[in-house]
Amino acid sequence: MEKLYAGLDIGGQTIKGVVLDGAGKSRLEVSRTTPASRETAASCGAAAVLEVIRGVIAELSAVGTIASVGVGTPGGVDSDGVIVGMSANISGWYGTRLRDEVSAMAAAPCAVRNDGNMAAYGEWAAREGSLKGLLFIGLGTGIGGGYVEDGRIFGGCDDRALEIGHFVIEPSGRRCACGIDGCSEAYASGPSIGRVAAALGRGEDAGLGSMARAAGPASSFKDSPLAARALAGECFNAREVYEAYAAGDRLALAVDAVAAEALARAVSVALAMMAPDTVVFGGGVIAGAPHLPARIAELVREKVYRDAWKQCKFETALLSHRAGLLGAALYGASLVVDRADLLRIRAR
């Protein structure tokens, strides 16, 4: 029976699976709702998620023999494939022996990495040529990051390297979900973009600090339909903000400027640390704001020395929301195929 290479992308909202054949062609993709929430009892949350994973693997296995599995997951992951970092969107996920569980389900070798790193690997694989280092930034419910150099993921301790959403870019700024004030995630994740818009629209202190200059004067929002909705008590998400942005809404333009400033500050630190030649932006926020990479590239030039950005390209993800899924499948395949075969799968 034909050998297939499976990938899983585990998120707080969905669990996705794919199988690739030896030519790199997707033979089957499935998606299931993640049955976990902050309200779920910890002992039930992880068990329920694992049961869905079992069902996904069973579907994928029906296509052919699974030779390997790669898994991208929220949270820190140790060298044994155990979840050892926080994962706010999946209850009870800490301590799950994910590599052993999935390997047993699929009867195949399994590799587990942080989802940001798997997405970075997928975007690296999708690009031909002489990439030296690729920094991936995923903008969604949170802000994740990953770095690949010459085909190798740099994960740091417990795969937690380049948590760019938790770079502090405004000391004493907005409180982040991680408990620290001023993280970039508190200004530029999907939910945070909505919260900043609502706060500014109501005339509240949005914790902008030194970024208030990017937003401009509050008086300019008086004719904003989005601000009127905020004053009426509405809450927003990033999609709604960027729909208003497309219509030229002044409040939405201000919130976009704050998000770009926050991301540019975080990216500038990453450029000085890692010296990538390519920075890739992906995730749901970028789908609604495709202009952000170019805007961030402009702002970065003001925030870090020239050598850090002069050879660096800023791009939108080629694989869109599938970067983590396809990256996981390819990374898992690297466990069982040689480099020549891996490049053949990658080329597709």
C-alpha atoms as a PDB file:
ATOM      1  CA  MET A   1       0.000   0.000   0.000  1.00  0.00           C
ATOM      2  CA  GLU A   2       1.172   3.531  -0.785  1.00  0.00           C
ATOM      3  CA  LYS A   3       3.007   5.360   2.021  1.00  0.00           C
ATOM      4  CA  LEU A   4       1.607   8.689   3.095  1.00  0.00           C
ATOM      5  CA  TYR A   5       2.912  11.499   5.286  1.00  0.00           C
ATOM      6  CA  ALA A   6       0.379  12.987   7.686  1.00  0.00           C
ATOM      7  CA  GLY A   7       0.261  16.407   9.285  1.00  0.00           C
ATOM      8  CA  LEU A   8      -1.918  17.744  12.098  1.00  0.00           C
ATOM      9  CA  ASP A   9      -2.497  21.373  13.044  1.00  0.00           C
ATOM     10  CA  ILE A  10      -4.102  21.676  16.474  1.00  0.00           C
ATOM     11  CA  GLY A  11      -5.706  24.988  17.330  1.00  0.00           C
ATOM     12  CA  GLY A  12      -8.077  26.389  19.882  1.00  0.00           C
ATOM     13  CA  GLN A  13     -10.880  26.467  17.296  1.00  0.00           C
ATOM     14  CA  THR A  14     -10.113  23.629  14.850  1.00  0.00           C
ATOM     15  CA  ILE A  15      -8.045  20.479  14.448  1.00  0.00           C
ATOM     16  CA  LYS A  16      -6.915  19.969  10.850  1.00  0.00           C
ATOM     17  CA  GLY A  17      -5.317  16.974   9.213  1.00  0.00           C
ATOM     18  CA  VAL A  18      -3.712  16.241   5.846  1.00  0.00           C
ATOM     19  CA  VAL A  19      -1.949  13.368   4.115  1.00  0.00           C
ATOM     20  CA  LEU A  20       0.648  13.966   1.395  1.00  0.00           C
ATOM     21  CA  ASP A  21       1.868  11.322  -1.018  1.00  0.00           C
ATOM     22  CA  GLY A  22       5.466  10.840  -2.106  1.00  0.00           C
ATOM     23  CA  ALA A  23       5.069  13.463  -4.836  1.00  0.00           C
ATOM     24  CA  GLY A  24       3.860  16.054  -2.336  1.00  0.00           C
ATOM     25  CA  LYS A  25       0.240  15.930  -3.481  1.00  0.00           C
ATOM     26  CA  SER A  26      -2.484  16.337  -0.871  1.00  0.00           C
ATOM     27  CA  ARG A  27      -4.597  13.171  -0.905  1.00  0.00           C
ATOM     28  CA  LEU A  28      -7.037  14.160   1.828  1.00  0.00           C
ATOM     29  CA  GLU A  29      -7.657  17.077   4.185  1.00  0.00           C
ATOM     30  CA  VAL A  30     -10.062  17.065   7.118  1.00  0.00           C
ATOM     31  CA  SER A  31     -11.083  19.637   9.708  1.00  0.00           C
ATOM     32  CA  ARG A  32     -12.875  19.143  13.013  1.00  0.00           C
ATOM     33  CA  THR A  33     -13.948  21.527  15.761  1.00  0.00           C
ATOM     34  CA  THR A  34     -11.694  21.556  18.809  1.00  0.00           C
ATOM     35  CA  PRO A  35     -13.877  20.335  21.703  1.00  0.00           C
ATOM     36  CA  ALA A  36     -12.185  22.346  24.417  1.00  0.00           C
ATOM     37  CA  SER A  37     -12.655  25.700  26.074  1.00  0.00           C
ATOM     38  CA  ARG A  38     -11.572  27.525  29.186  1.00  0.00           C
ATOM     39  CA  GLU A  39     -14.786  26.379  30.835  1.00  0.00           C
ATOM     40  CA  THR A  40     -14.088  22.696  30.189  1.00  0.00           C
ATOM     41  CA  ALA A  41     -12.772  20.700  33.120  1.00  0.00           C
ATOM     42  CA  ALA A  42      -9.034  20.217  32.711  1.00  0.00           C
ATOM     43  CA  SER A  43      -9.255  16.444  32.927  1.00  0.00           C
ATOM     44  CA  CYS A  44     -11.871  16.361  30.166  1.00  0.00           C
ATOM     45  CA  GLY A  45     -10.360  18.973  27.865  1.00  0.00           C
ATOM     46  CA  ALA A  46      -7.230  17.099  26.846  1.00  0.00           C
ATOM     47  CA  ALA A  47      -9.043  13.756  26.645  1.00  0.00           C
ATOM     48  CA  ALA A  48     -11.706  15.227  24.384  1.00  0.00           C
ATOM     49  CA  VAL A  49      -9.102  16.775  22.080  1.00  0.00           C
ATOM     50  CA  LEU A  50      -7.182  13.504  21.858  1.00  0.00           C
ATOM     51  CA  GLU A  51     -10.387  11.675  20.935  1.00  0.00           C
ATOM     52  CA  VAL A  52     -10.958  14.062  18.019  1.00  0.00           C
ATOM     53  CA  ILE A  53      -7.337  13.594  16.946  1.00  0.00           C
ATOM     54  CA  ARG A  54      -7.904   9.836  16.998  1.00  0.00           C
ATOM     55  CA  GLY A  55     -10.853  10.252  14.644  1.00  0.00           C
ATOM     56  CA  VAL A  56      -8.892  12.498  12.287  1.00  0.00           C
ATOM     57  CA  ILE A  57      -6.025  10.013  12.097  1.00  0.00           C
ATOM     58  CA  ALA A  58      -8.489   7.183  11.427  1.00  0.00           C
ATOM     59  CA  GLU A  59      -9.879   9.136   8.458  1.00  0.00           C
ATOM     60  CA  LEU A  60      -6.418   9.892   7.122  1.00  0.00           C
ATOM     61  CA  SER A  61      -5.316   6.280   7.551  1.00  0.00           C
ATOM     62  CA  ALA A  62      -8.165   5.067   5.352  1.00  0.00           C
ATOM     63  CA  VAL A  63      -6.380   6.591   2.339  1.00  0.00           C
ATOM     64  CA  GLY A  64      -3.219   4.524   2.780  1.00  0.00           C
ATOM     65  CA  THR A  65      -0.416   3.559   5.128  1.00  0.00           C
ATOM     66  CA  ILE A  66       0.765   6.483   7.220  1.00  0.00           C
ATOM     67  CA  ALA A  67       4.549   6.459   7.328  1.00  0.00           C
ATOM     68  CA  SER A  68       4.970   9.489   9.616  1.00  0.00           C
ATOM     69  CA  VAL A  69       3.033  12.187  11.437  1.00  0.00           C
ATOM     70  CA  GLY A  70       4.023  15.772  12.155  1.00  0.00           C
ATOM     71  CA  VAL A  71       1.989  17.755  14.687  1.00  0.00           C
ATOM     72  CA  GLY A  72       1.849  21.492  15.302  1.00  0.00           C
ATOM     73  CA  THR A  73       0.368  22.477  18.661  1.00  0.00           C
ATOM     74  CA  PRO A  74      -0.024  25.543  20.846  1.00  0.00           C
ATOM     75  CA  GLY A  75       2.232  25.708  23.856  1.00  0.00           C
ATOM     76  CA  GLY A  76       5.794  24.753  24.647  1.00  0.00           C
ATOM     77  CA  VAL A  77       6.900  21.249  23.632  1.00  0.00           C
ATOM     78  CA  ASP A  78       9.846  19.404  25.141  1.00  0.00           C
ATOM     79  CA  SER A  79      12.182  16.996  23.352  1.00  0.00           C
ATOM     80  CA  ASP A  80       9.908  14.052  24.258  1.00  0.00           C
ATOM     81  CA  GLY A  81       6.873  15.649  22.601  1.00  0.00           C
ATOM     82  CA  VAL A  82       5.227  16.552  25.905  1.00  0.00           C
ATOM     83  CA  ILE A  83       3.277  19.814  26.218  1.00  0.00           C
ATOM     84  CA  VAL A  84       5.148  21.842  28.827  1.00  0.00           C
ATOM     85  CA  GLY A  85       4.039  25.425  28.103  1.00  0.00           C
ATOM     86  CA  MET A  86       0.849  27.417  28.498  1.00  0.00           C
ATOM     87  CA  SER A  87      -1.963  26.888  26.012  1.00  0.00           C
ATOM     88  CA  ALA A  88      -4.805  29.139  27.062  1.00  0.00           C
ATOM     89  CA  ASN A  89      -7.283  27.903  24.436  1.00  0.00           C
ATOM     90  CA  ILE A  90      -7.135  24.156  25.233  1.00  0.00           C
ATOM     91  CA  SER A  91      -8.016  23.180  28.769  1.00  0.00           C
ATOM     92  CA  GLY A  92      -5.766  20.649  30.456  1.00  0.00           C
ATOM     93  CA  TRP A  93      -3.307  20.525  27.552  1.00  0.00           C
ATOM     94  CA  TYR A  94      -0.276  21.006  29.792  1.00  0.00           C
ATOM     95  CA  GLY A  95       1.442  17.687  30.465  1.00  0.00           C
ATOM     96  CA  THR A  96      -0.134  15.827  27.519  1.00  0.00           C
ATOM     97  CA  ARG A  97       2.296  13.259  26.069  1.00  0.00           C
ATOM     98  CA  LEU A  98       1.268  14.203  22.590  1.00  0.00           C
ATOM     99  CA  ARG A  99       4.025  12.510  20.607  1.00  0.00           C
ATOM    100  CA  ASP A 100       3.454   9.140  22.255  1.00  0.00           C
ATOM    101  CA  GLU A 101      -0.328   9.423  21.970  1.00  0.00           C
ATOM    102  CA  VAL A 102      -0.328  10.301  18.269  1.00  0.00           C
ATOM    103  CA  SER A 103       2.392   7.815  17.404  1.00  0.00           C
ATOM    104  CA  ALA A 104       0.340   5.037  18.963  1.00  0.00           C
ATOM    105  CA  MET A 105      -2.819   6.149  17.135  1.00  0.00           C
ATOM    106  CA  ALA A 106      -1.114   6.201  13.748  1.00  0.00           C
ATOM    107  CA  ALA A 107       1.310   3.313  14.361  1.00  0.00           C
ATOM    108  CA  ALA A 108       3.997   5.567  12.902  1.00  0.00           C
ATOM    109  CA  PRO A 109       6.851   7.834  14.032  1.00  0.00           C
ATOM    110  CA  CYS A 110       5.664  11.252  15.173  1.00  0.00           C
ATOM    111  CA  ALA A 111       7.289  14.674  15.609  1.00  0.00           C
ATOM    112  CA  VAL A 112       5.611  17.407  17.667  1.00  0.00           C
ATOM    113  CA  ARG A 113       6.613  21.068  17.517  1.00  0.00           C
ATOM    114  CA  ASN A 114       5.076  24.390  18.451  1.00  0.00           C
ATOM    115  CA  ASP A 115       2.554  25.480  15.800  1.00  0.00           C
ATOM    116  CA  GLY A 116       4.440  28.694  14.983  1.00  0.00           C
ATOM    117  CA  ASN A 117       7.548  26.689  14.173  1.00  0.00           C
ATOM    118  CA  MET A 118       5.605  24.277  11.968  1.00  0.00           C
ATOM    119  CA  ALA A 119       4.116  27.213  10.056  1.00  0.00           C
ATOM    120  CA  ALA A 120       7.598  28.679   9.606  1.00  0.00           C
ATOM    121  CA  TYR A 121       8.789  25.317   8.273  1.00  0.00           C
ATOM    122  CA  GLY A 122       5.887  25.182   5.829  1.00  0.00           C
ATOM    123  CA  GLU A 123       6.606  28.660   4.487  1.00  0.00           C
ATOM    124  CA  TRP A 124      10.311  27.826   4.180  1.00  0.00           C
ATOM    125  CA  ALA A 125       9.402  24.685   2.236  1.00  0.00           C
ATOM    126  CA  ALA A 126       7.094  26.630  -0.079  1.00  0.00           C
ATOM    127  CA  ARG A 127       9.920  28.882  -1.264  1.00  0.00           C
ATOM    128  CA  GLU A 128      12.604  27.784  -3.672  1.00  0.00           C
ATOM    129  CA  GLY A 129      15.981  29.463  -3.884  1.00  0.00           C
ATOM    130  CA  SER A 130      18.708  30.446  -1.477  1.00  0.00           C
ATOM    131  CA  LEU A 131      16.814  31.396   1.656  1.00  0.00           C
ATOM    132  CA  LYS A 132      19.161  31.811   4.586  1.00  0.00           C
ATOM    133  CA  GLY A 133      16.739  32.467   7.409  1.00  0.00           C
ATOM    134  CA  LEU A 134      12.947  32.786   7.443  1.00  0.00           C
ATOM    135  CA  LEU A 135      11.035  34.423  10.282  1.00  0.00           C
ATOM    136  CA  PHE A 136       7.324  33.595  10.346  1.00  0.00           C
ATOM    137  CA  ILE A 137       4.814  35.729  12.240  1.00  0.00           C
ATOM    138  CA  GLY A 138       1.281  34.419  12.601  1.00  0.00           C
ATOM    139  CA  LEU A 139      -1.409  36.963  13.493  1.00  0.00           C
ATOM    140  CA  GLY A 140      -4.606  35.408  14.772  1.00  0.00           C
ATOM    141  CA  THR A 141      -6.152  34.858  18.194  1.00  0.00           C
ATOM    142  CA  GLY A 142      -2.602  35.381  19.443  1.00  0.00           C
ATOM    143  CA  ILE A 143       0.677  36.237  17.774  1.00  0.00           C
ATOM    144  CA  GLY A 144       3.054  33.343  17.176  1.00  0.00           C
ATOM    145  CA  GLY A 145       6.464  33.140  15.602  1.00  0.00           C
ATOM    146  CA  GLY A 146       8.943  30.663  14.216  1.00  0.00           C
ATOM    147  CA  TYR A 147      12.378  30.717  12.636  1.00  0.00           C
ATOM    148  CA  VAL A 148      13.927  28.341  10.092  1.00  0.00           C
ATOM    149  CA  GLU A 149      17.528  28.578   8.936  1.00  0.00           C
ATOM    150  CA  ASP A 150      18.803  26.340   6.128  1.00  0.00           C
ATOM    151  CA  GLY A 151      15.893  23.974   6.718  1.00  0.00           C
ATOM    152  CA  ARG A 152      16.403  23.710  10.463  1.00  0.00           C
ATOM    153  CA  ILE A 153      13.882  24.963  13.023  1.00  0.00           C
ATOM    154  CA  PHE A 154      15.407  27.020  15.816  1.00  0.00           C
ATOM    155  CA  GLY A 155      13.035  26.325  18.684  1.00  0.00           C
ATOM    156  CA  GLY A 156      15.060  27.161  21.782  1.00  0.00           C
ATOM    157  CA  CYS A 157      14.104  25.717  25.150  1.00  0.00           C
ATOM    158  CA  ASP A 158      10.876  23.707  24.874  1.00  0.00           C
ATOM    159  CA  ASP A 159      10.267  25.090  21.366  1.00  0.00           C
ATOM    160  CA  ARG A 160       9.362  28.504  22.808  1.00  0.00           C
ATOM    161  CA  ALA A 161      11.814  30.645  20.834  1.00  0.00           C
ATOM    162  CA  LEU A 162      10.565  33.767  19.072  1.00  0.00           C
ATOM    163  CA  GLU A 163       7.281  34.177  20.903  1.00  0.00           C
ATOM    164  CA  ILE A 164       7.104  37.512  19.152  1.00  0.00           C
ATOM    165  CA  GLY A 165       3.659  38.218  20.549  1.00  0.00           C
ATOM    166  CA  HIS A 166       5.247  38.472  23.973  1.00  0.00           C
ATOM    167  CA  PHE A 167       7.972  40.942  23.110  1.00  0.00           C
ATOM    168  CA  VAL A 168       7.300  43.930  25.366  1.00  0.00           C
ATOM    169  CA  ILE A 169       6.999  46.914  23.051  1.00  0.00           C
ATOM    170  CA  GLU A 170       5.269  49.398  25.394  1.00  0.00           C
ATOM    171  CA  PRO A 171       6.387  49.181  29.050  1.00  0.00           C
ATOM    172  CA  SER A 172       3.437  49.631  31.432  1.00  0.00           C
ATOM    173  CA  GLY A 173       1.093  49.288  28.464  1.00  0.00           C
ATOM    174  CA  ARG A 174      -1.979  47.140  27.923  1.00  0.00           C
ATOM    175  CA  ARG A 175      -2.195  43.926  29.930  1.00  0.00           C
ATOM    176  CA  CYS A 176      -1.541  40.838  27.808  1.00  0.00           C
ATOM    177  CA  ALA A 177      -3.277  37.480  28.334  1.00  0.00           C
ATOM    178  CA  CYS A 178       0.095  36.163  29.528  1.00  0.00           C
ATOM    179  CA  GLY A 179      -0.109  38.515  32.521  1.00  0.00           C
ATOM    180  CA  ILE A 180       2.615  40.956  31.422  1.00  0.00           C
ATOM    181  CA  ASP A 181       1.977  44.564  30.441  1.00  0.00           C
ATOM    182  CA  GLY A 182       2.846  45.913  26.999  1.00  0.00           C
ATOM    183  CA  CYS A 183       3.268  42.792  24.841  1.00  0.00           C
ATOM    184  CA  SER A 184       2.781  43.231  21.102  1.00  0.00           C
ATOM    185  CA  GLU A 185      -0.044  40.684  21.306  1.00  0.00           C
ATOM    186  CA  ALA A 186      -2.012  43.128  23.464  1.00  0.00           C
ATOM    187  CA  TYR A 187      -2.161  45.531  20.508  1.00  0.00           C
ATOM    188  CA  ALA A 188      -2.000  43.529  17.281  1.00  0.00           C
ATOM    189  CA  SER A 189      -3.656  40.118  17.749  1.00  0.00           C
ATOM    190  CA  GLY A 190      -7.137  39.700  16.286  1.00  0.00           C
ATOM    191  CA  PRO A 191      -9.036  40.138  19.578  1.00  0.00           C
ATOM    192  CA  SER A 192      -6.757  42.973  20.712  1.00  0.00           C
ATOM    193  CA  ILE A 193      -7.323  44.957  17.529  1.00  0.00           C
ATOM    194  CA  GLY A 194     -11.050  44.788  18.284  1.00  0.00           C
ATOM    195  CA  ARG A 195     -10.544  45.764  21.940  1.00  0.00           C
ATOM    196  CA  VAL A 196      -8.321  48.734  21.092  1.00  0.00           C
ATOM    197  CA  ALA A 197     -10.905  49.940  18.571  1.00  0.00           C
ATOM    198  CA  ALA A 198     -13.719  49.705  21.128  1.00  0.00           C
ATOM    199  CA  ALA A 199     -11.705  51.513  23.815  1.00  0.00           C
ATOM    200  CA  LEU A 200     -10.649  54.348  21.526  1.00  0.00           C
ATOM    201  CA  GLY A 201     -14.151  54.650  20.127  1.00  0.00           C
ATOM    202  CA  ARG A 202     -15.544  55.089  23.638  1.00  0.00           C
ATOM    203  CA  GLY A 203     -12.897  57.686  24.439  1.00  0.00           C
ATOM    204  CA  GLU A 204     -11.205  55.457  27.017  1.00  0.00           C
ATOM    205  CA  ASP A 205      -7.525  55.089  27.798  1.00  0.00           C
ATOM    206  CA  ALA A 206      -6.459  52.239  25.509  1.00  0.00           C
ATOM    207  CA  GLY A 207      -3.011  51.929  27.090  1.00  0.00           C
ATOM    208  CA  LEU A 208      -1.262  53.196  23.978  1.00  0.00           C
ATOM    209  CA  GLY A 209       1.450  55.135  25.818  1.00  0.00           C
ATOM    210  CA  SER A 210       4.050  56.249  23.302  1.00  0.00           C
ATOM    211  CA  MET A 211       1.987  54.742  20.469  1.00  0.00           C
ATOM    212  CA  ALA A 212      -0.758  57.338  20.934  1.00  0.00           C
ATOM    213  CA  ARG A 213       1.051  59.451  18.357  1.00  0.00           C
ATOM    214  CA  ALA A 214       0.420  56.734  15.748  1.00  0.00           C
ATOM    215  CA  ALA A 215      -3.312  56.767  16.517  1.00  0.00           C
ATOM    216  CA  GLY A 216      -3.675  60.515  16.230  1.00  0.00           C
ATOM    217  CA  PRO A 217      -6.092  62.778  18.160  1.00  0.00           C
ATOM    218  CA  ALA A 218      -9.322  61.315  19.501  1.00  0.00           C
ATOM    219  CA  SER A 219     -11.213  64.280  18.054  1.00  0.00           C
ATOM    220  CA  SER A 220     -10.683  62.842  14.573  1.00  0.00           C
ATOM    221  CA  PHE A 221     -13.011  59.902  15.406  1.00  0.00           C
ATOM    222  CA  LYS A 222     -16.151  62.005  15.833  1.00  0.00           C
ATOM    223  CA  ASP A 223     -17.422  61.169  12.347  1.00  0.00           C
ATOM    224  CA  SER A 224     -16.426  57.496  12.552  1.00  0.00           C
ATOM    225  CA  PRO A 225     -19.270  54.964  12.189  1.00  0.00           C
ATOM    226  CA  LEU A 226     -17.084  52.445  14.036  1.00  0.00           C
ATOM    227  CA  ALA A 227     -16.703  54.874  16.967  1.00  0.00           C
ATOM    228  CA  ALA A 228     -20.471  55.393  17.018  1.00  0.00           C
ATOM    229  CA  ARG A 229     -20.953  51.652  17.294  1.00  0.00           C
ATOM    230  CA  ALA A 230     -18.423  51.527  20.146  1.00  0.00           C
ATOM    231  CA  LEU A 231     -20.285  54.283  22.004  1.00  0.00           C
ATOM    232  CA  ALA A 232     -23.447  52.220  21.591  1.00  0.00           C
ATOM    233  CA  GLY A 233     -21.733  49.383  23.468  1.00  0.00           C
ATOM    234  CA  GLU A 234     -20.667  47.147  20.600  1.00  0.00           C
ATOM    235  CA  CYS A 235     -17.537  45.001  20.709  1.00  0.00           C
ATOM    236  CA  PHE A 236     -15.480  44.196  17.616  1.00  0.00           C
ATOM    237  CA  ASN A 237     -13.130  41.661  16.113  1.00  0.00           C
ATOM    238  CA  ALA A 238     -10.296  42.333  13.685  1.00  0.00           C
ATOM    239  CA  ARG A 239     -12.424  41.414  10.670  1.00  0.00           C
ATOM    240  CA  GLU A 240     -14.953  44.132  11.493  1.00  0.00           C
ATOM    241  CA  VAL A 241     -12.217  46.688  12.103  1.00  0.00           C
ATOM    242  CA  TYR A 242     -10.596  45.965   8.754  1.00  0.00           C
ATOM    243  CA  GLU A 243     -13.923  46.055   6.946  1.00  0.00           C
ATOM    244  CA  ALA A 244     -14.282  49.576   8.354  1.00  0.00           C
ATOM    245  CA  TYR A 245     -10.667  50.287   7.378  1.00  0.00           C
ATOM    246  CA  ALA A 246     -11.459  49.385   3.770  1.00  0.00           C
ATOM    247  CA  ALA A 247     -14.264  51.956   3.880  1.00  0.00           C
ATOM    248  CA  GLY A 248     -11.888  54.658   5.134  1.00  0.00           C
ATOM    249  CA  ASP A 249     -13.228  54.793   8.710  1.00  0.00           C
ATOM    250  CA  ARG A 250     -10.950  57.099  10.738  1.00  0.00           C
ATOM    251  CA  LEU A 251     -11.044  55.026  13.899  1.00  0.00           C
ATOM    252  CA  ALA A 252     -10.176  51.870  11.951  1.00  0.00           C
ATOM    253  CA  LEU A 253      -7.292  53.717  10.264  1.00  0.00           C
ATOM    254  CA  ALA A 254      -5.983  54.724  13.696  1.00  0.00           C
ATOM    255  CA  VAL A 255      -6.227  51.194  15.091  1.00  0.00           C
ATOM    256  CA  ASP A 256      -4.407  49.852  12.036  1.00  0.00           C
ATOM    257  CA  ALA A 257      -1.640  52.399  12.629  1.00  0.00           C
ATOM    258  CA  VAL A 258      -1.284  51.228  16.236  1.00  0.00           C
ATOM    259  CA  ALA A 259      -1.131  47.563  15.206  1.00  0.00           C
ATOM    260  CA  ALA A 260       1.494  48.320  12.548  1.00  0.00           C
ATOM    261  CA  GLU A 261       3.572  50.299  15.032  1.00  0.00           C
ATOM    262  CA  ALA A 262       3.405  47.535  17.639  1.00  0.00           C
ATOM    263  CA  LEU A 263       4.399  44.874  15.120  1.00  0.00           C
ATOM    264  CA  ALA A 264       7.205  47.000  13.685  1.00  0.00           C
ATOM    265  CA  ARG A 265       8.699  47.396  17.153  1.00  0.00           C
ATOM    266  CA  ALA A 266       8.569  43.655  17.774  1.00  0.00           C
ATOM    267  CA  VAL A 267       9.903  42.767  14.319  1.00  0.00           C
ATOM    268  CA  SER A 268      12.781  45.218  14.734  1.00  0.00           C
ATOM    269  CA  VAL A 269      13.945  43.357  17.825  1.00  0.00           C
ATOM    270  CA  ALA A 270      13.670  40.026  15.983  1.00  0.00           C
ATOM    271  CA  LEU A 271      15.682  41.379  13.034  1.00  0.00           C
ATOM    272  CA  ALA A 272      18.492  42.506  15.310  1.00  0.00           C
ATOM    273  CA  MET A 273      18.518  39.117  17.065  1.00  0.00           C
ATOM    274  CA  MET A 274      18.091  36.640  14.196  1.00  0.00           C
ATOM    275  CA  ALA A 275      19.079  38.482  10.966  1.00  0.00           C
ATOM    276  CA  PRO A 276      16.560  36.719   8.664  1.00  0.00           C
ATOM    277  CA  ASP A 277      16.528  37.432   4.942  1.00  0.00           C
ATOM    278  CA  THR A 278      12.765  36.844   4.742  1.00  0.00           C
ATOM    279  CA  VAL A 279       9.945  37.823   7.104  1.00  0.00           C
ATOM    280  CA  VAL A 280       6.586  36.185   6.385  1.00  0.00           C
ATOM    281  CA  PHE A 281       3.252  37.296   7.830  1.00  0.00           C
ATOM    282  CA  GLY A 282       0.334  34.890   7.962  1.00  0.00           C
ATOM    283  CA  GLY A 283      -2.843  34.174   9.895  1.00  0.00           C
ATOM    284  CA  GLY A 284      -6.398  35.446   9.866  1.00  0.00           C
ATOM    285  CA  VAL A 285      -5.543  39.083  10.585  1.00  0.00           C
ATOM    286  CA  ILE A 286      -3.328  39.315   7.502  1.00  0.00           C
ATOM    287  CA  ALA A 287      -6.139  37.901   5.373  1.00  0.00           C
ATOM    288  CA  GLY A 288      -8.094  41.074   6.159  1.00  0.00           C
ATOM    289  CA  ALA A 289      -5.089  43.393   6.181  1.00  0.00           C
ATOM    290  CA  PRO A 290      -2.784  42.388   3.314  1.00  0.00           C
ATOM    291  CA  HIS A 291      -1.186  45.838   3.366  1.00  0.00           C
ATOM    292  CA  LEU A 292       0.431  45.283   6.775  1.00  0.00           C
ATOM    293  CA  PRO A 293       3.704  43.595   5.659  1.00  0.00           C
ATOM    294  CA  ALA A 294       4.646  46.532   3.427  1.00  0.00           C
ATOM    295  CA  ARG A 295       3.677  49.058   6.093  1.00  0.00           C
ATOM    296  CA  ILE A 296       5.695  47.240   8.747  1.00  0.00           C
ATOM    297  CA  ALA A 297       8.685  47.114   6.397  1.00  0.00           C
ATOM    298  CA  GLU A 298       8.541  50.918   6.125  1.00  0.00           C
ATOM    299  CA  LEU A 299       8.328  51.417   9.876  1.00  0.00           C
ATOM    300  CA  VAL A 300      11.114  48.965  10.639  1.00  0.00           C
ATOM    301  CA  ARG A 301      13.593  51.176   8.794  1.00  0.00           C
ATOM    302  CA  GLU A 302      13.119  53.793  11.511  1.00  0.00           C
ATOM    303  CA  LYS A 303      13.583  51.368  14.406  1.00  0.00           C
ATOM    304  CA  VAL A 304      16.643  49.204  13.784  1.00  0.00           C
ATOM    305  CA  TYR A 305      20.051  49.686  12.192  1.00  0.00           C
ATOM    306  CA  ARG A 306      20.234  49.423   8.408  1.00  0.00           C
ATOM    307  CA  ASP A 307      22.164  46.153   8.162  1.00  0.00           C
ATOM    308  CA  ALA A 308      19.281  44.390   9.935  1.00  0.00           C
ATOM    309  CA  TRP A 309      16.794  45.143   7.166  1.00  0.00           C
ATOM    310  CA  LYS A 310      18.713  46.043   4.007  1.00  0.00           C
ATOM    311  CA  GLN A 311      18.650  42.472   2.615  1.00  0.00           C
ATOM    312  CA  CYS A 312      15.349  41.425   4.166  1.00  0.00           C
ATOM    313  CA  LYS A 313      12.135  40.769   2.236  1.00  0.00           C
ATOM    314  CA  PHE A 314       8.714  41.217   3.864  1.00  0.00           C
ATOM    315  CA  GLU A 315       6.070  38.906   2.419  1.00  0.00           C
ATOM    316  CA  THR A 316       2.594  37.515   2.936  1.00  0.00           C
ATOM    317  CA  ALA A 317       2.330  33.765   3.561  1.00  0.00           C
ATOM    318  CA  LEU A 318       2.236  31.699   0.393  1.00  0.00           C
ATOM    319  CA  LEU A 319       0.334  28.883   2.090  1.00  0.00           C
ATOM    320  CA  SER A 320      -2.168  31.125   3.863  1.00  0.00           C
ATOM    321  CA  HIS A 321      -3.933  29.266   6.700  1.00  0.00           C
ATOM    322  CA  ARG A 322      -2.414  25.924   5.567  1.00  0.00           C
ATOM    323  CA  ALA A 323       1.193  26.824   6.444  1.00  0.00           C
ATOM    324  CA  GLY A 324       1.175  25.023   9.792  1.00  0.00           C
ATOM    325  CA  LEU A 325      -0.673  21.987   8.426  1.00  0.00           C
ATOM    326  CA  LEU A 326       1.584  21.419   5.428  1.00  0.00           C
ATOM    327  CA  GLY A 327       4.678  22.311   7.426  1.00  0.00           C
ATOM    328  CA  ALA A 328       3.759  19.636   9.987  1.00  0.00           C
ATOM    329  CA  ALA A 329       3.318  16.977   7.296  1.00  0.00           C
ATOM    330  CA  LEU A 330       6.656  17.794   5.694  1.00  0.00           C
ATOM    331  CA  TYR A 331       8.487  17.994   9.020  1.00  0.00           C
ATOM    332  CA  GLY A 332       7.075  14.612  10.023  1.00  0.00           C
ATOM    333  CA  ALA A 333       8.209  13.161   6.695  1.00  0.00           C
ATOM    334  CA  SER A 334      11.763  14.228   7.496  1.00  0.00           C
ATOM    335  CA  LEU A 335      11.778  11.496  10.157  1.00  0.00           C
ATOM    336  CA  VAL A 336      11.539   8.691   7.595  1.00  0.00           C
ATOM    337  CA  VAL A 337      12.747   9.909   4.179  1.00  0.00           C
ATOM    338  CA  ASP A 338      16.143  11.047   2.981  1.00  0.00           C
ATOM    339  CA  ARG A 339      16.861  14.608   1.907  1.00  0.00           C
ATOM    340  CA  ALA A 340      16.360  13.909  -1.815  1.00  0.00           C
ATOM    341  CA  ASP A 341      12.873  12.506  -1.246  1.00  0.00           C
ATOM    342  CA  LEU A 342      12.043  15.308   1.174  1.00  0.00           C
ATOM    343  CA  LEU A 343      12.961  17.901  -1.447  1.00  0.00           C
ATOM    344  CA  ARG A 344      10.759  16.065  -3.950  1.00  0.00           C
ATOM    345  CA  ILE A 345       7.805  16.292  -1.577  1.00  0.00           C
ATOM    346  CA  ARG A 346       8.665  19.912  -0.815  1.00  0.00           C
ATOM    347  CA  ALA A 347       8.785  20.854  -4.499  1.00  0.00           C
ATOM    348  CA  ARG A 348       5.113  19.969  -4.957  1.00  0.00           C
END
